[in-house]
Amino acid sequence: MIGTIFVFCAGMLFLQRQRNKAQKAGEGYGTELRNEPETAEDLELPNPWLALSPLLLVGIMNLLFTHWIPQWYGKTHSLSLPAWQHR
């Protein structure tokens, strides 16, 4: 836990230092960007569920396999590889 706090604090100090350095150099996010394409007003975006469907599929399949695999192979299963038998 102490290591986590140290890494977080060191990272935040570094980011703040870089931010101050960029601000002193006159850098920023910019309000007048050039070479940015115009967004079409009649742009039709895909359904957000399309983006979430792989995550849902992985979650559902993980749940199903958690229940199915013990039925197929038993509650425990061990793998013995031929290379390990010569030890």
PDB file of N, CA and C in Angstrom:
ATOM      1  N   MET A   1       0.827  -1.184   0.000  1.00  0.00           N
ATOM      2  CA  MET A   1       0.000   0.000   0.000  1.00  0.00           C
ATOM      3  C   MET A   1       0.879   1.259   0.000  1.00  0.00           C
ATOM      4  N   ILE A   2       1.956   1.200   0.729  1.00  0.00           N
ATOM      5  CA  ILE A   2       2.851   2.359   0.789  1.00  0.00           C
ATOM      6  C   ILE A   2       3.474   2.607  -0.579  1.00  0.00           C
ATOM      7  N   GLY A   3       3.852   1.528  -1.260  1.00  0.00           N
ATOM      8  CA  GLY A   3       4.413   1.661  -2.605  1.00  0.00           C
ATOM      9  C   GLY A   3       3.420   2.274  -3.571  1.00  0.00           C
ATOM     10  N   THR A   4       2.159   1.890  -3.453  1.00  0.00           N
ATOM     11  CA  THR A   4       1.118   2.442  -4.318  1.00  0.00           C
ATOM     12  C   THR A   4       0.976   3.936  -4.099  1.00  0.00           C
ATOM     13  N   ILE A   5       0.954   4.333  -2.845  1.00  0.00           N
ATOM     14  CA  ILE A   5       0.830   5.759  -2.524  1.00  0.00           C
ATOM     15  C   ILE A   5       2.044   6.520  -3.036  1.00  0.00           C
ATOM     16  N   PHE A   6       3.230   5.946  -2.876  1.00  0.00           N
ATOM     17  CA  PHE A   6       4.442   6.607  -3.357  1.00  0.00           C
ATOM     18  C   PHE A   6       4.417   6.792  -4.867  1.00  0.00           C
ATOM     19  N   VAL A   7       4.072   5.728  -5.599  1.00  0.00           N
ATOM     20  CA  VAL A   7       4.038   5.815  -7.064  1.00  0.00           C
ATOM     21  C   VAL A   7       2.994   6.832  -7.508  1.00  0.00           C
ATOM     22  N   PHE A   8       1.817   6.833  -6.865  1.00  0.00           N
ATOM     23  CA  PHE A   8       0.776   7.796  -7.215  1.00  0.00           C
ATOM     24  C   PHE A   8       1.260   9.225  -6.981  1.00  0.00           C
ATOM     25  N   CYS A   9       1.835   9.487  -5.812  1.00  0.00           N
ATOM     26  CA  CYS A   9       2.302  10.845  -5.491  1.00  0.00           C
ATOM     27  C   CYS A   9       3.434  11.277  -6.416  1.00  0.00           C
ATOM     28  N   ALA A  10       4.374  10.381  -6.695  1.00  0.00           N
ATOM     29  CA  ALA A  10       5.475  10.721  -7.601  1.00  0.00           C
ATOM     30  C   ALA A  10       4.943  11.011  -8.997  1.00  0.00           C
ATOM     31  N   GLY A  11       3.991  10.232  -9.461  1.00  0.00           N
ATOM     32  CA  GLY A  11       3.399  10.465 -10.776  1.00  0.00           C
ATOM     33  C   GLY A  11       2.659  11.784 -10.841  1.00  0.00           C
ATOM     34  N   MET A  12       1.898  12.098  -9.801  1.00  0.00           N
ATOM     35  CA  MET A  12       1.155  13.359  -9.785  1.00  0.00           C
ATOM     36  C   MET A  12       2.106  14.557  -9.723  1.00  0.00           C
ATOM     37  N   LEU A  13       3.183  14.432  -8.960  1.00  0.00           N
ATOM     38  CA  LEU A  13       4.170  15.516  -8.915  1.00  0.00           C
ATOM     39  C   LEU A  13       4.810  15.721 -10.285  1.00  0.00           C
ATOM     40  N   PHE A  14       5.149  14.630 -10.957  1.00  0.00           N
ATOM     41  CA  PHE A  14       5.726  14.734 -12.294  1.00  0.00           C
ATOM     42  C   PHE A  14       4.749  15.402 -13.256  1.00  0.00           C
ATOM     43  N   LEU A  15       3.497  14.972 -13.247  1.00  0.00           N
ATOM     44  CA  LEU A  15       2.506  15.557 -14.156  1.00  0.00           C
ATOM     45  C   LEU A  15       2.289  17.040 -13.870  1.00  0.00           C
ATOM     46  N   GLN A  16       2.247  17.408 -12.597  1.00  0.00           N
ATOM     47  CA  GLN A  16       2.063  18.822 -12.243  1.00  0.00           C
ATOM     48  C   GLN A  16       3.274  19.642 -12.691  1.00  0.00           C
ATOM     49  N   ARG A  17       4.464  19.088 -12.532  1.00  0.00           N
ATOM     50  CA  ARG A  17       5.674  19.792 -12.968  1.00  0.00           C
ATOM     51  C   ARG A  17       5.665  19.992 -14.485  1.00  0.00           C
ATOM     52  N   GLN A  18       5.282  18.957 -15.229  1.00  0.00           N
ATOM     53  CA  GLN A  18       5.211  19.067 -16.687  1.00  0.00           C
ATOM     54  C   GLN A  18       4.141  20.072 -17.112  1.00  0.00           C
ATOM     55  N   ARG A  19       3.019  20.094 -16.396  1.00  0.00           N
ATOM     56  CA  ARG A  19       1.950  21.053 -16.701  1.00  0.00           C
ATOM     57  C   ARG A  19       2.438  22.484 -16.492  1.00  0.00           C
ATOM     58  N   ASN A  20       3.098  22.725 -15.362  1.00  0.00           N
ATOM     59  CA  ASN A  20       3.616  24.069 -15.085  1.00  0.00           C
ATOM     60  C   ASN A  20       4.667  24.474 -16.111  1.00  0.00           C
ATOM     61  N   LYS A  21       5.517  23.539 -16.495  1.00  0.00           N
ATOM     62  CA  LYS A  21       6.556  23.807 -17.491  1.00  0.00           C
ATOM     63  C   LYS A  21       5.925  24.184 -18.835  1.00  0.00           C
ATOM     64  N   ALA A  22       4.901  23.453 -19.256  1.00  0.00           N
ATOM     65  CA  ALA A  22       4.226  23.748 -20.523  1.00  0.00           C
ATOM     66  C   ALA A  22       3.492  25.076 -20.453  1.00  0.00           C
ATOM     67  N   GLN A  23       2.884  25.371 -19.312  1.00  0.00           N
ATOM     68  CA  GLN A  23       2.149  26.628 -19.160  1.00  0.00           C
ATOM     69  C   GLN A  23       3.103  27.821 -19.228  1.00  0.00           C
ATOM     70  N   LYS A  24       4.274  27.710 -18.626  1.00  0.00           N
ATOM     71  CA  LYS A  24       5.257  28.791 -18.682  1.00  0.00           C
ATOM     72  C   LYS A  24       5.780  28.996 -20.095  1.00  0.00           C
ATOM     73  N   ALA A  25       5.817  27.914 -20.882  1.00  0.00           N
ATOM     74  CA  ALA A  25       6.283  28.007 -22.268  1.00  0.00           C
ATOM     75  C   ALA A  25       5.178  28.478 -23.208  1.00  0.00           C
ATOM     76  N   GLY A  26       3.990  28.753 -22.663  1.00  0.00           N
ATOM     77  CA  GLY A  26       2.893  29.237 -23.492  1.00  0.00           C
ATOM     78  C   GLY A  26       2.144  28.137 -24.216  1.00  0.00           C
ATOM     79  N   GLU A  27       2.379  26.913 -23.820  1.00  0.00           N
ATOM     80  CA  GLU A  27       1.674  25.795 -24.446  1.00  0.00           C
ATOM     81  C   GLU A  27       0.351  25.564 -23.727  1.00  0.00           C
ATOM     82  N   GLY A  28      -0.560  24.954 -24.447  1.00  0.00           N
ATOM     83  CA  GLY A  28      -1.854  24.635 -23.852  1.00  0.00           C
ATOM     84  C   GLY A  28      -2.621  23.726 -24.778  1.00  0.00           C
ATOM     85  N   TYR A  29      -3.888  23.595 -24.504  1.00  0.00           N
ATOM     86  CA  TYR A  29      -4.719  22.726 -25.321  1.00  0.00           C
ATOM     87  C   TYR A  29      -5.127  23.397 -26.617  1.00  0.00           C
ATOM     88  N   GLY A  30      -5.109  24.689 -26.660  1.00  0.00           N
ATOM     89  CA  GLY A  30      -5.441  25.408 -27.878  1.00  0.00           C
ATOM     90  C   GLY A  30      -6.937  25.569 -28.055  1.00  0.00           C
ATOM     91  N   THR A  31      -7.319  26.752 -28.484  1.00  0.00           N
ATOM     92  CA  THR A  31      -8.731  27.007 -28.742  1.00  0.00           C
ATOM     93  C   THR A  31      -8.987  27.176 -30.226  1.00  0.00           C
ATOM     94  N   GLU A  32      -7.959  27.509 -30.964  1.00  0.00           N
ATOM     95  CA  GLU A  32      -8.103  27.694 -32.407  1.00  0.00           C
ATOM     96  C   GLU A  32      -7.261  26.644 -33.118  1.00  0.00           C
ATOM     97  N   LEU A  33      -7.838  25.497 -33.325  1.00  0.00           N
ATOM     98  CA  LEU A  33      -7.118  24.408 -33.965  1.00  0.00           C
ATOM     99  C   LEU A  33      -7.234  24.524 -35.473  1.00  0.00           C
ATOM    100  N   ARG A  34      -6.140  24.248 -36.158  1.00  0.00           N
ATOM    101  CA  ARG A  34      -6.140  24.240 -37.615  1.00  0.00           C
ATOM    102  C   ARG A  34      -6.114  22.808 -38.112  1.00  0.00           C
ATOM    103  N   ASN A  35      -6.511  22.613 -39.344  1.00  0.00           N
ATOM    104  CA  ASN A  35      -6.504  21.300 -39.990  1.00  0.00           C
ATOM    105  C   ASN A  35      -7.425  20.291 -39.307  1.00  0.00           C
ATOM    106  N   GLU A  36      -8.446  20.769 -38.659  1.00  0.00           N
ATOM    107  CA  GLU A  36      -9.423  19.872 -38.056  1.00  0.00           C
ATOM    108  C   GLU A  36     -10.605  19.747 -39.002  1.00  0.00           C
ATOM    109  N   PRO A  37     -10.999  18.533 -39.342  1.00  0.00           N
ATOM    110  CA  PRO A  37     -12.131  18.376 -40.260  1.00  0.00           C
ATOM    111  C   PRO A  37     -13.438  18.806 -39.605  1.00  0.00           C
ATOM    112  N   GLU A  38     -14.322  19.326 -40.417  1.00  0.00           N
ATOM    113  CA  GLU A  38     -15.642  19.714 -39.933  1.00  0.00           C
ATOM    114  C   GLU A  38     -16.480  18.455 -39.725  1.00  0.00           C
ATOM    115  N   THR A  39     -17.247  18.440 -38.670  1.00  0.00           N
ATOM    116  CA  THR A  39     -18.132  17.317 -38.400  1.00  0.00           C
ATOM    117  C   THR A  39     -19.447  17.553 -39.120  1.00  0.00           C
ATOM    118  N   ALA A  40     -19.870  16.564 -39.869  1.00  0.00           N
ATOM    119  CA  ALA A  40     -21.130  16.692 -40.600  1.00  0.00           C
ATOM    120  C   ALA A  40     -22.288  16.733 -39.611  1.00  0.00           C
ATOM    121  N   GLU A  41     -23.246  17.614 -39.883  1.00  0.00           N
ATOM    122  CA  GLU A  41     -24.374  17.749 -38.966  1.00  0.00           C
ATOM    123  C   GLU A  41     -25.350  16.591 -39.086  1.00  0.00           C
ATOM    124  N   ASP A  42     -25.392  15.949 -40.242  1.00  0.00           N
ATOM    125  CA  ASP A  42     -26.314  14.833 -40.423  1.00  0.00           C
ATOM    126  C   ASP A  42     -25.618  13.485 -40.188  1.00  0.00           C
ATOM    127  N   LEU A  43     -24.529  13.517 -39.445  1.00  0.00           N
ATOM    128  CA  LEU A  43     -23.767  12.308 -39.155  1.00  0.00           C
ATOM    129  C   LEU A  43     -24.582  11.388 -38.254  1.00  0.00           C
ATOM    130  N   GLU A  44     -24.741  10.154 -38.676  1.00  0.00           N
ATOM    131  CA  GLU A  44     -25.503   9.186 -37.897  1.00  0.00           C
ATOM    132  C   GLU A  44     -24.525   8.225 -37.229  1.00  0.00           C
ATOM    133  N   LEU A  45     -24.472   8.268 -35.910  1.00  0.00           N
ATOM    134  CA  LEU A  45     -23.549   7.432 -35.148  1.00  0.00           C
ATOM    135  C   LEU A  45     -24.144   6.048 -34.925  1.00  0.00           C
ATOM    136  N   PRO A  46     -23.291   5.031 -34.792  1.00  0.00           N
ATOM    137  CA  PRO A  46     -23.803   3.682 -34.520  1.00  0.00           C
ATOM    138  C   PRO A  46     -24.379   3.591 -33.111  1.00  0.00           C
ATOM    139  N   ASN A  47     -25.156   2.572 -32.895  1.00  0.00           N
ATOM    140  CA  ASN A  47     -25.775   2.344 -31.600  1.00  0.00           C
ATOM    141  C   ASN A  47     -24.691   2.070 -30.551  1.00  0.00           C
ATOM    142  N   PRO A  48     -24.759   2.714 -29.375  1.00  0.00           N
ATOM    143  CA  PRO A  48     -23.750   2.475 -28.333  1.00  0.00           C
ATOM    144  C   PRO A  48     -23.712   1.027 -27.850  1.00  0.00           C
ATOM    145  N   TRP A  49     -24.822   0.310 -27.947  1.00  0.00           N
ATOM    146  CA  TRP A  49     -24.839  -1.094 -27.529  1.00  0.00           C
ATOM    147  C   TRP A  49     -23.928  -1.939 -28.398  1.00  0.00           C
ATOM    148  N   LEU A  50     -23.674  -1.488 -29.616  1.00  0.00           N
ATOM    149  CA  LEU A  50     -22.761  -2.213 -30.494  1.00  0.00           C
ATOM    150  C   LEU A  50     -21.350  -2.229 -29.900  1.00  0.00           C
ATOM    151  N   ALA A  51     -20.947  -1.123 -29.296  1.00  0.00           N
ATOM    152  CA  ALA A  51     -19.625  -1.051 -28.671  1.00  0.00           C
ATOM    153  C   ALA A  51     -19.568  -1.866 -27.381  1.00  0.00           C
ATOM    154  N   LEU A  52     -20.678  -1.958 -26.671  1.00  0.00           N
ATOM    155  CA  LEU A  52     -20.705  -2.690 -25.407  1.00  0.00           C
ATOM    156  C   LEU A  52     -20.925  -4.187 -25.588  1.00  0.00           C
ATOM    157  N   SER A  53     -21.357  -4.598 -26.762  1.00  0.00           N
ATOM    158  CA  SER A  53     -21.690  -6.009 -26.967  1.00  0.00           C
ATOM    159  C   SER A  53     -20.502  -6.959 -26.745  1.00  0.00           C
ATOM    160  N   PRO A  54     -19.271  -6.647 -27.160  1.00  0.00           N
ATOM    161  CA  PRO A  54     -18.169  -7.576 -26.850  1.00  0.00           C
ATOM    162  C   PRO A  54     -17.938  -7.737 -25.349  1.00  0.00           C
ATOM    163  N   LEU A  55     -18.069  -6.655 -24.594  1.00  0.00           N
ATOM    164  CA  LEU A  55     -17.890  -6.753 -23.142  1.00  0.00           C
ATOM    165  C   LEU A  55     -18.977  -7.614 -22.515  1.00  0.00           C
ATOM    166  N   LEU A  56     -20.210  -7.410 -22.958  1.00  0.00           N
ATOM    167  CA  LEU A  56     -21.308  -8.217 -22.440  1.00  0.00           C
ATOM    168  C   LEU A  56     -21.131  -9.684 -22.815  1.00  0.00           C
ATOM    169  N   LEU A  57     -20.712  -9.932 -24.039  1.00  0.00           N
ATOM    170  CA  LEU A  57     -20.513 -11.306 -24.496  1.00  0.00           C
ATOM    171  C   LEU A  57     -19.439 -12.017 -23.665  1.00  0.00           C
ATOM    172  N   VAL A  58     -18.338 -11.342 -23.400  1.00  0.00           N
ATOM    173  CA  VAL A  58     -17.266 -11.941 -22.591  1.00  0.00           C
ATOM    174  C   VAL A  58     -17.768 -12.231 -21.177  1.00  0.00           C
ATOM    175  N   GLY A  59     -18.499 -11.295 -20.585  1.00  0.00           N
ATOM    176  CA  GLY A  59     -19.027 -11.514 -19.238  1.00  0.00           C
ATOM    177  C   GLY A  59     -19.995 -12.677 -19.175  1.00  0.00           C
ATOM    178  N   ILE A  60     -20.899 -12.751 -20.138  1.00  0.00           N
ATOM    179  CA  ILE A  60     -21.885 -13.834 -20.159  1.00  0.00           C
ATOM    180  C   ILE A  60     -21.209 -15.179 -20.397  1.00  0.00           C
ATOM    181  N   MET A  61     -20.289 -15.237 -21.356  1.00  0.00           N
ATOM    182  CA  MET A  61     -19.604 -16.502 -21.642  1.00  0.00           C
ATOM    183  C   MET A  61     -18.745 -16.943 -20.457  1.00  0.00           C
ATOM    184  N   ASN A  62     -18.123 -16.000 -19.768  1.00  0.00           N
ATOM    185  CA  ASN A  62     -17.336 -16.336 -18.581  1.00  0.00           C
ATOM    186  C   ASN A  62     -18.231 -16.963 -17.516  1.00  0.00           C
ATOM    187  N   LEU A  63     -19.399 -16.390 -17.309  1.00  0.00           N
ATOM    188  CA  LEU A  63     -20.339 -16.936 -16.337  1.00  0.00           C
ATOM    189  C   LEU A  63     -20.802 -18.335 -16.745  1.00  0.00           C
ATOM    190  N   LEU A  64     -21.146 -18.497 -18.013  1.00  0.00           N
ATOM    191  CA  LEU A  64     -21.606 -19.801 -18.485  1.00  0.00           C
ATOM    192  C   LEU A  64     -20.510 -20.862 -18.374  1.00  0.00           C
ATOM    193  N   PHE A  65     -19.291 -20.522 -18.801  1.00  0.00           N
ATOM    194  CA  PHE A  65     -18.201 -21.496 -18.730  1.00  0.00           C
ATOM    195  C   PHE A  65     -17.840 -21.834 -17.284  1.00  0.00           C
ATOM    196  N   THR A  66     -18.016 -20.878 -16.376  1.00  0.00           N
ATOM    197  CA  THR A  66     -17.762 -21.151 -14.964  1.00  0.00           C
ATOM    198  C   THR A  66     -18.681 -22.263 -14.464  1.00  0.00           C
ATOM    199  N   HIS A  67     -19.889 -22.308 -14.981  1.00  0.00           N
ATOM    200  CA  HIS A  67     -20.831 -23.354 -14.573  1.00  0.00           C
ATOM    201  C   HIS A  67     -20.685 -24.618 -15.413  1.00  0.00           C
ATOM    202  N   TRP A  68     -20.394 -24.490 -16.683  1.00  0.00           N
ATOM    203  CA  TRP A  68     -20.351 -25.650 -17.582  1.00  0.00           C
ATOM    204  C   TRP A  68     -19.081 -26.486 -17.449  1.00  0.00           C
ATOM    205  N   ILE A  69     -17.931 -25.839 -17.334  1.00  0.00           N
ATOM    206  CA  ILE A  69     -16.661 -26.576 -17.339  1.00  0.00           C
ATOM    207  C   ILE A  69     -16.575 -27.586 -16.191  1.00  0.00           C
ATOM    208  N   PRO A  70     -16.980 -27.249 -14.955  1.00  0.00           N
ATOM    209  CA  PRO A  70     -16.950 -28.285 -13.909  1.00  0.00           C
ATOM    210  C   PRO A  70     -17.871 -29.471 -14.213  1.00  0.00           C
ATOM    211  N   GLN A  71     -18.945 -29.242 -14.941  1.00  0.00           N
ATOM    212  CA  GLN A  71     -19.830 -30.354 -15.309  1.00  0.00           C
ATOM    213  C   GLN A  71     -19.157 -31.254 -16.341  1.00  0.00           C
ATOM    214  N   TRP A  72     -18.364 -30.683 -17.221  1.00  0.00           N
ATOM    215  CA  TRP A  72     -17.706 -31.456 -18.270  1.00  0.00           C
ATOM    216  C   TRP A  72     -16.475 -32.202 -17.759  1.00  0.00           C
ATOM    217  N   TYR A  73     -15.661 -31.534 -16.933  1.00  0.00           N
ATOM    218  CA  TYR A  73     -14.375 -32.094 -16.515  1.00  0.00           C
ATOM    219  C   TYR A  73     -14.320 -32.478 -15.041  1.00  0.00           C
ATOM    220  N   GLY A  74     -15.353 -32.226 -14.294  1.00  0.00           N
ATOM    221  CA  GLY A  74     -15.316 -32.460 -12.857  1.00  0.00           C
ATOM    222  C   GLY A  74     -14.870 -31.194 -12.143  1.00  0.00           C
ATOM    223  N   LYS A  75     -14.944 -31.240 -10.822  1.00  0.00           N
ATOM    224  CA  LYS A  75     -14.619 -30.032 -10.058  1.00  0.00           C
ATOM    225  C   LYS A  75     -13.138 -29.692 -10.101  1.00  0.00           C
ATOM    226  N   THR A  76     -12.285 -30.704 -10.239  1.00  0.00           N
ATOM    227  CA  THR A  76     -10.850 -30.446 -10.358  1.00  0.00           C
ATOM    228  C   THR A  76     -10.333 -31.136 -11.610  1.00  0.00           C
ATOM    229  N   HIS A  77      -9.312 -30.562 -12.169  1.00  0.00           N
ATOM    230  CA  HIS A  77      -8.698 -31.115 -13.373  1.00  0.00           C
ATOM    231  C   HIS A  77      -7.213 -30.801 -13.312  1.00  0.00           C
ATOM    232  N   SER A  78      -6.388 -31.791 -13.587  1.00  0.00           N
ATOM    233  CA  SER A  78      -4.947 -31.548 -13.585  1.00  0.00           C
ATOM    234  C   SER A  78      -4.387 -31.864 -14.960  1.00  0.00           C
ATOM    235  N   LEU A  79      -3.380 -31.139 -15.313  1.00  0.00           N
ATOM    236  CA  LEU A  79      -2.729 -31.292 -16.608  1.00  0.00           C
ATOM    237  C   LEU A  79      -1.312 -31.790 -16.360  1.00  0.00           C
ATOM    238  N   SER A  80      -0.961 -32.920 -16.929  1.00  0.00           N
ATOM    239  CA  SER A  80       0.411 -33.409 -16.803  1.00  0.00           C
ATOM    240  C   SER A  80       1.032 -33.427 -18.195  1.00  0.00           C
ATOM    241  N   LEU A  81       2.038 -32.627 -18.353  1.00  0.00           N
ATOM    242  CA  LEU A  81       2.727 -32.516 -19.628  1.00  0.00           C
ATOM    243  C   LEU A  81       3.848 -33.544 -19.698  1.00  0.00           C
ATOM    244  N   PRO A  82       4.103 -34.127 -20.871  1.00  0.00           N
ATOM    245  CA  PRO A  82       5.156 -35.142 -20.999  1.00  0.00           C
ATOM    246  C   PRO A  82       6.537 -34.628 -20.587  1.00  0.00           C
ATOM    247  N   ALA A  83       6.843 -33.390 -20.845  1.00  0.00           N
ATOM    248  CA  ALA A  83       8.163 -32.847 -20.508  1.00  0.00           C
ATOM    249  C   ALA A  83       8.369 -32.791 -19.001  1.00  0.00           C
ATOM    250  N   TRP A  84       7.329 -32.705 -18.227  1.00  0.00           N
ATOM    251  CA  TRP A  84       7.445 -32.603 -16.783  1.00  0.00           C
ATOM    252  C   TRP A  84       7.636 -33.966 -16.133  1.00  0.00           C
ATOM    253  N   GLN A  85       7.382 -35.032 -16.823  1.00  0.00           N
ATOM    254  CA  GLN A  85       7.486 -36.360 -16.233  1.00  0.00           C
ATOM    255  C   GLN A  85       8.936 -36.811 -16.092  1.00  0.00           C
ATOM    256  N   HIS A  86       9.856 -36.219 -16.813  1.00  0.00           N
ATOM    257  CA  HIS A  86      11.262 -36.620 -16.778  1.00  0.00           C
ATOM    258  C   HIS A  86      12.038 -35.925 -15.671  1.00  0.00           C
ATOM    259  N   ARG A  87      11.424 -35.150 -14.862  1.00  0.00           N
ATOM    260  CA  ARG A  87      12.134 -34.414 -13.809  1.00  0.00           C
ATOM    261  C   ARG A  87      12.454 -35.281 -12.651  1.00  0.00           C
TER     262      ARG A  87
END
